[in-house]
Amino acid sequence: MVGNILTGLVALIHCYIVYLEMVLWDTPRGHKAFNLKPDFASASKVLAANQGLYNGFLAAGLIWGLYLGAGGFQIKIFFLLCVAIAGLYGAATVGRKILFIQTVPAVLAIAAVWLGW
């Protein structure tokens, strides 16, 4: 139960990231969320949308795993690991904040799913 709630939370976080990257990137809200200058945001809008699409696939995989219930154990673990690894890479290359927004929730969800909580 706790594992599914945490997995759902990670999926929701990624749905919001999709919205930020694909819709709000070149707006004041997007600038604030990602600490962007308007000229950079405008120039990188297409790249951000592509990145948002990939985050959408992560969210879709997590939702798929939740939909399958107990049969989705391996799918949830796989996509949560993908999220955690992407978060580690983002924290190392972009900013430490990603570690807390993406990696920590994913690792907590992995633990809860793995332990059958």
N, C-alpha and C. Protein backbone atom coordinates (compact mmCIF):
# COMPACT_ATOMS: atom_id res chain seq x y z
N MET A 1 0.81 -1.20 0.00
CA MET A 1 0.00 0.00 0.00
C MET A 1 0.86 1.27 0.00
N VAL A 2 1.82 1.35 0.94
CA VAL A 2 2.71 2.51 1.01
C VAL A 2 3.54 2.60 -0.27
N GLY A 3 4.01 1.43 -0.75
CA GLY A 3 4.80 1.40 -1.98
C GLY A 3 4.02 1.95 -3.16
N ASN A 4 2.76 1.59 -3.26
CA ASN A 4 1.92 2.10 -4.35
C ASN A 4 1.67 3.59 -4.21
N ILE A 5 1.47 4.06 -2.98
CA ILE A 5 1.27 5.49 -2.76
C ILE A 5 2.52 6.27 -3.16
N LEU A 6 3.69 5.79 -2.74
CA LEU A 6 4.94 6.47 -3.09
C LEU A 6 5.21 6.40 -4.59
N THR A 7 4.90 5.26 -5.21
CA THR A 7 5.07 5.12 -6.66
C THR A 7 4.14 6.10 -7.37
N GLY A 8 2.91 6.21 -6.89
CA GLY A 8 1.97 7.17 -7.46
C GLY A 8 2.46 8.59 -7.30
N LEU A 9 3.07 8.89 -6.16
CA LEU A 9 3.62 10.23 -5.93
C LEU A 9 4.74 10.53 -6.92
N VAL A 10 5.62 9.55 -7.14
CA VAL A 10 6.71 9.74 -8.11
C VAL A 10 6.12 9.94 -9.51
N ALA A 11 5.09 9.20 -9.86
CA ALA A 11 4.44 9.37 -11.16
C ALA A 11 3.85 10.78 -11.28
N LEU A 12 3.20 11.25 -10.22
CA LEU A 12 2.62 12.61 -10.24
C LEU A 12 3.71 13.67 -10.36
N ILE A 13 4.81 13.48 -9.65
CA ILE A 13 5.94 14.42 -9.77
C ILE A 13 6.39 14.49 -11.23
N HIS A 14 6.48 13.33 -11.87
CA HIS A 14 6.93 13.33 -13.26
C HIS A 14 5.90 13.89 -14.22
N CYS A 15 4.63 13.73 -13.92
CA CYS A 15 3.59 14.38 -14.73
C CYS A 15 3.74 15.90 -14.63
N TYR A 16 4.04 16.39 -13.44
CA TYR A 16 4.25 17.82 -13.26
C TYR A 16 5.52 18.28 -13.99
N ILE A 17 6.56 17.48 -13.92
CA ILE A 17 7.79 17.82 -14.65
C ILE A 17 7.51 17.88 -16.15
N VAL A 18 6.72 16.94 -16.65
CA VAL A 18 6.32 16.98 -18.08
C VAL A 18 5.65 18.30 -18.39
N TYR A 19 4.71 18.70 -17.56
CA TYR A 19 3.98 19.95 -17.76
C TYR A 19 4.94 21.15 -17.74
N LEU A 20 5.85 21.15 -16.78
CA LEU A 20 6.83 22.24 -16.70
C LEU A 20 7.71 22.29 -17.95
N GLU A 21 8.20 21.14 -18.38
CA GLU A 21 9.15 21.13 -19.50
C GLU A 21 8.48 21.30 -20.87
N MET A 22 7.27 20.80 -21.02
CA MET A 22 6.63 20.84 -22.33
C MET A 22 5.72 22.05 -22.52
N VAL A 23 5.18 22.58 -21.42
CA VAL A 23 4.21 23.67 -21.54
C VAL A 23 4.73 24.98 -20.93
N LEU A 24 5.33 24.89 -19.77
CA LEU A 24 5.70 26.10 -19.03
C LEU A 24 7.16 26.52 -19.16
N TRP A 25 7.95 25.79 -19.91
CA TRP A 25 9.39 26.06 -20.00
C TRP A 25 9.69 27.52 -20.30
N ASP A 26 9.03 28.09 -21.27
CA ASP A 26 9.31 29.46 -21.72
C ASP A 26 8.31 30.45 -21.13
N THR A 27 7.99 30.27 -19.85
CA THR A 27 7.10 31.19 -19.13
C THR A 27 7.78 31.57 -17.81
N PRO A 28 7.29 32.60 -17.15
CA PRO A 28 7.90 32.96 -15.86
C PRO A 28 7.92 31.80 -14.86
N ARG A 29 6.88 30.97 -14.84
CA ARG A 29 6.85 29.82 -13.92
C ARG A 29 7.96 28.82 -14.27
N GLY A 30 8.13 28.54 -15.55
CA GLY A 30 9.19 27.65 -16.00
C GLY A 30 10.57 28.22 -15.70
N HIS A 31 10.71 29.52 -15.92
CA HIS A 31 12.00 30.17 -15.64
C HIS A 31 12.35 30.02 -14.16
N LYS A 32 11.34 30.23 -13.30
CA LYS A 32 11.57 30.13 -11.86
C LYS A 32 11.89 28.69 -11.44
N ALA A 33 11.12 27.74 -11.98
CA ALA A 33 11.29 26.33 -11.59
C ALA A 33 12.67 25.81 -11.95
N PHE A 34 13.18 26.23 -13.10
CA PHE A 34 14.46 25.71 -13.58
C PHE A 34 15.58 26.74 -13.53
N ASN A 35 15.33 27.90 -12.92
CA ASN A 35 16.32 28.96 -12.81
C ASN A 35 16.88 29.34 -14.19
N LEU A 36 15.96 29.67 -15.10
CA LEU A 36 16.32 29.97 -16.48
C LEU A 36 16.27 31.45 -16.78
N LYS A 37 17.13 31.88 -17.67
CA LYS A 37 17.03 33.22 -18.23
C LYS A 37 16.11 33.12 -19.45
N PRO A 38 15.28 34.13 -19.69
CA PRO A 38 14.31 34.06 -20.79
C PRO A 38 14.92 33.73 -22.15
N ASP A 39 16.08 34.30 -22.47
CA ASP A 39 16.68 34.03 -23.77
C ASP A 39 17.11 32.56 -23.90
N PHE A 40 17.65 31.99 -22.82
CA PHE A 40 18.03 30.58 -22.85
C PHE A 40 16.79 29.69 -22.94
N ALA A 41 15.75 30.04 -22.20
CA ALA A 41 14.51 29.25 -22.22
C ALA A 41 13.92 29.23 -23.63
N SER A 42 13.93 30.37 -24.28
CA SER A 42 13.39 30.44 -25.63
C SER A 42 14.21 29.60 -26.61
N ALA A 43 15.53 29.68 -26.48
CA ALA A 43 16.42 28.94 -27.38
C ALA A 43 16.38 27.44 -27.15
N SER A 44 16.06 27.01 -25.94
CA SER A 44 16.11 25.59 -25.61
C SER A 44 14.73 24.95 -25.47
N LYS A 45 13.70 25.64 -25.89
CA LYS A 45 12.32 25.17 -25.71
C LYS A 45 12.07 23.81 -26.34
N VAL A 46 12.58 23.57 -27.53
CA VAL A 46 12.36 22.30 -28.21
C VAL A 46 13.09 21.16 -27.48
N LEU A 47 14.30 21.43 -27.03
CA LEU A 47 15.04 20.42 -26.27
C LEU A 47 14.32 20.09 -24.96
N ALA A 48 13.77 21.09 -24.30
CA ALA A 48 13.06 20.87 -23.04
C ALA A 48 11.80 20.03 -23.29
N ALA A 49 11.12 20.29 -24.39
CA ALA A 49 9.92 19.50 -24.71
C ALA A 49 10.29 18.04 -24.94
N ASN A 50 11.41 17.80 -25.61
CA ASN A 50 11.88 16.44 -25.82
C ASN A 50 12.18 15.77 -24.47
N GLN A 51 12.84 16.48 -23.60
CA GLN A 51 13.15 15.98 -22.27
C GLN A 51 11.86 15.70 -21.50
N GLY A 52 10.88 16.57 -21.64
CA GLY A 52 9.59 16.38 -21.00
C GLY A 52 8.90 15.11 -21.47
N LEU A 53 9.03 14.82 -22.75
CA LEU A 53 8.44 13.61 -23.30
C LEU A 53 9.05 12.37 -22.64
N TYR A 54 10.35 12.37 -22.46
CA TYR A 54 11.00 11.24 -21.79
C TYR A 54 10.52 11.09 -20.35
N ASN A 55 10.33 12.20 -19.66
CA ASN A 55 9.79 12.14 -18.30
C ASN A 55 8.36 11.60 -18.32
N GLY A 56 7.64 11.91 -19.39
CA GLY A 56 6.29 11.36 -19.54
C GLY A 56 6.31 9.85 -19.68
N PHE A 57 7.30 9.32 -20.37
CA PHE A 57 7.42 7.86 -20.49
C PHE A 57 7.71 7.22 -19.13
N LEU A 58 8.51 7.89 -18.31
CA LEU A 58 8.76 7.37 -16.96
C LEU A 58 7.45 7.34 -16.16
N ALA A 59 6.69 8.43 -16.22
CA ALA A 59 5.41 8.47 -15.51
C ALA A 59 4.47 7.39 -16.04
N ALA A 60 4.42 7.22 -17.35
CA ALA A 60 3.54 6.20 -17.94
C ALA A 60 3.93 4.80 -17.48
N GLY A 61 5.21 4.53 -17.40
CA GLY A 61 5.67 3.22 -16.92
C GLY A 61 5.27 2.98 -15.48
N LEU A 62 5.36 4.01 -14.65
CA LEU A 62 4.97 3.86 -13.25
C LEU A 62 3.46 3.65 -13.13
N ILE A 63 2.70 4.37 -13.91
CA ILE A 63 1.25 4.22 -13.90
C ILE A 63 0.87 2.83 -14.40
N TRP A 64 1.56 2.34 -15.41
CA TRP A 64 1.33 0.99 -15.92
C TRP A 64 1.57 -0.04 -14.81
N GLY A 65 2.69 0.10 -14.10
CA GLY A 65 2.99 -0.81 -13.01
C GLY A 65 1.93 -0.78 -11.92
N LEU A 66 1.44 0.41 -11.60
CA LEU A 66 0.37 0.53 -10.61
C LEU A 66 -0.92 -0.13 -11.10
N TYR A 67 -1.21 0.08 -12.37
CA TYR A 67 -2.42 -0.51 -12.96
C TYR A 67 -2.40 -2.03 -12.87
N LEU A 68 -1.25 -2.63 -13.01
CA LEU A 68 -1.14 -4.09 -12.97
C LEU A 68 -1.22 -4.67 -11.55
N GLY A 69 -1.22 -3.81 -10.55
CA GLY A 69 -1.31 -4.28 -9.17
C GLY A 69 -0.08 -5.10 -8.79
N ALA A 70 -0.32 -6.23 -8.11
CA ALA A 70 0.79 -7.08 -7.66
C ALA A 70 1.62 -7.59 -8.84
N GLY A 71 0.98 -7.77 -9.98
CA GLY A 71 1.69 -8.23 -11.18
C GLY A 71 2.62 -7.19 -11.77
N GLY A 72 2.53 -5.95 -11.30
CA GLY A 72 3.38 -4.88 -11.82
C GLY A 72 4.62 -4.63 -11.00
N PHE A 73 4.95 -5.54 -10.09
CA PHE A 73 6.11 -5.36 -9.21
C PHE A 73 7.38 -5.03 -10.00
N GLN A 74 7.73 -5.87 -10.97
CA GLN A 74 8.97 -5.67 -11.72
C GLN A 74 8.94 -4.38 -12.54
N ILE A 75 7.79 -4.06 -13.07
CA ILE A 75 7.67 -2.83 -13.87
C ILE A 75 7.86 -1.61 -12.98
N LYS A 76 7.24 -1.61 -11.80
CA LYS A 76 7.41 -0.49 -10.87
C LYS A 76 8.88 -0.36 -10.46
N ILE A 77 9.51 -1.47 -10.12
CA ILE A 77 10.93 -1.42 -9.72
C ILE A 77 11.78 -0.89 -10.87
N PHE A 78 11.57 -1.40 -12.07
CA PHE A 78 12.36 -0.95 -13.22
C PHE A 78 12.23 0.56 -13.44
N PHE A 79 10.99 1.06 -13.50
CA PHE A 79 10.82 2.48 -13.78
C PHE A 79 11.26 3.35 -12.61
N LEU A 80 11.08 2.89 -11.39
CA LEU A 80 11.59 3.64 -10.24
C LEU A 80 13.12 3.71 -10.27
N LEU A 81 13.77 2.61 -10.65
CA LEU A 81 15.23 2.64 -10.81
C LEU A 81 15.64 3.62 -11.90
N CYS A 82 14.90 3.64 -13.01
CA CYS A 82 15.19 4.60 -14.08
C CYS A 82 15.09 6.03 -13.56
N VAL A 83 14.04 6.31 -12.79
CA VAL A 83 13.86 7.65 -12.22
C VAL A 83 15.01 7.98 -11.27
N ALA A 84 15.37 7.04 -10.40
CA ALA A 84 16.45 7.29 -9.45
C ALA A 84 17.77 7.55 -10.15
N ILE A 85 18.08 6.75 -11.16
CA ILE A 85 19.34 6.94 -11.90
C ILE A 85 19.34 8.25 -12.66
N ALA A 86 18.22 8.58 -13.30
CA ALA A 86 18.13 9.86 -14.00
C ALA A 86 18.29 11.02 -13.02
N GLY A 87 17.73 10.85 -11.83
CA GLY A 87 17.87 11.89 -10.80
C GLY A 87 19.30 12.04 -10.33
N LEU A 88 20.00 10.93 -10.18
CA LEU A 88 21.42 11.01 -9.80
C LEU A 88 22.23 11.73 -10.87
N TYR A 89 21.96 11.39 -12.12
CA TYR A 89 22.67 12.05 -13.21
C TYR A 89 22.35 13.54 -13.24
N GLY A 90 21.07 13.86 -13.09
CA GLY A 90 20.67 15.26 -13.08
C GLY A 90 21.28 16.02 -11.92
N ALA A 91 21.34 15.38 -10.75
CA ALA A 91 21.95 16.03 -9.59
C ALA A 91 23.43 16.29 -9.82
N ALA A 92 24.10 15.36 -10.49
CA ALA A 92 25.54 15.51 -10.75
C ALA A 92 25.83 16.52 -11.85
N THR A 93 24.93 16.66 -12.82
CA THR A 93 25.23 17.50 -13.97
C THR A 93 24.48 18.83 -14.00
N VAL A 94 23.34 18.90 -13.31
CA VAL A 94 22.53 20.12 -13.38
C VAL A 94 22.45 20.82 -12.03
N GLY A 95 22.03 20.09 -11.00
CA GLY A 95 21.92 20.72 -9.69
C GLY A 95 21.47 19.74 -8.62
N ARG A 96 21.93 19.96 -7.42
CA ARG A 96 21.66 19.08 -6.29
C ARG A 96 20.17 18.98 -5.97
N LYS A 97 19.40 20.01 -6.29
CA LYS A 97 17.97 20.03 -6.01
C LYS A 97 17.26 18.82 -6.62
N ILE A 98 17.73 18.36 -7.77
CA ILE A 98 17.13 17.21 -8.46
C ILE A 98 17.23 15.96 -7.60
N LEU A 99 18.28 15.85 -6.83
CA LEU A 99 18.44 14.70 -5.95
C LEU A 99 17.25 14.56 -5.00
N PHE A 100 16.79 15.69 -4.48
CA PHE A 100 15.71 15.67 -3.49
C PHE A 100 14.33 15.61 -4.14
N ILE A 101 14.20 16.17 -5.33
CA ILE A 101 12.91 16.17 -6.01
C ILE A 101 12.64 14.84 -6.71
N GLN A 102 13.66 14.22 -7.24
CA GLN A 102 13.48 13.04 -8.08
C GLN A 102 14.04 11.77 -7.44
N THR A 103 15.30 11.78 -7.02
CA THR A 103 15.95 10.55 -6.57
C THR A 103 15.43 10.07 -5.22
N VAL A 104 15.35 10.96 -4.25
CA VAL A 104 14.93 10.54 -2.91
C VAL A 104 13.53 9.92 -2.93
N PRO A 105 12.52 10.56 -3.57
CA PRO A 105 11.21 9.91 -3.61
C PRO A 105 11.24 8.55 -4.32
N ALA A 106 12.02 8.44 -5.38
CA ALA A 106 12.11 7.17 -6.11
C ALA A 106 12.75 6.08 -5.25
N VAL A 107 13.80 6.41 -4.53
CA VAL A 107 14.48 5.43 -3.67
C VAL A 107 13.56 4.99 -2.54
N LEU A 108 12.83 5.93 -1.96
CA LEU A 108 11.86 5.56 -0.91
C LEU A 108 10.78 4.64 -1.46
N ALA A 109 10.31 4.94 -2.67
CA ALA A 109 9.29 4.09 -3.30
C ALA A 109 9.86 2.70 -3.61
N ILE A 110 11.09 2.64 -4.09
CA ILE A 110 11.73 1.34 -4.35
C ILE A 110 11.77 0.51 -3.08
N ALA A 111 12.20 1.12 -1.99
CA ALA A 111 12.29 0.40 -0.72
C ALA A 111 10.92 -0.11 -0.29
N ALA A 112 9.92 0.74 -0.39
CA ALA A 112 8.57 0.36 0.04
C ALA A 112 7.99 -0.73 -0.84
N VAL A 113 8.18 -0.63 -2.15
CA VAL A 113 7.67 -1.66 -3.07
C VAL A 113 8.42 -2.98 -2.82
N TRP A 114 9.73 -2.90 -2.71
CA TRP A 114 10.55 -4.09 -2.52
C TRP A 114 10.19 -4.84 -1.23
N LEU A 115 9.93 -4.05 -0.18
CA LEU A 115 9.61 -4.65 1.11
C LEU A 115 8.12 -5.06 1.24
N GLY A 116 7.37 -4.75 0.20
CA GLY A 116 5.95 -5.13 0.20
C GLY A 116 5.08 -4.31 1.13
N TRP A 117 5.51 -3.07 1.41
CA TRP A 117 4.74 -2.20 2.29
C TRP A 117 3.54 -1.65 1.58
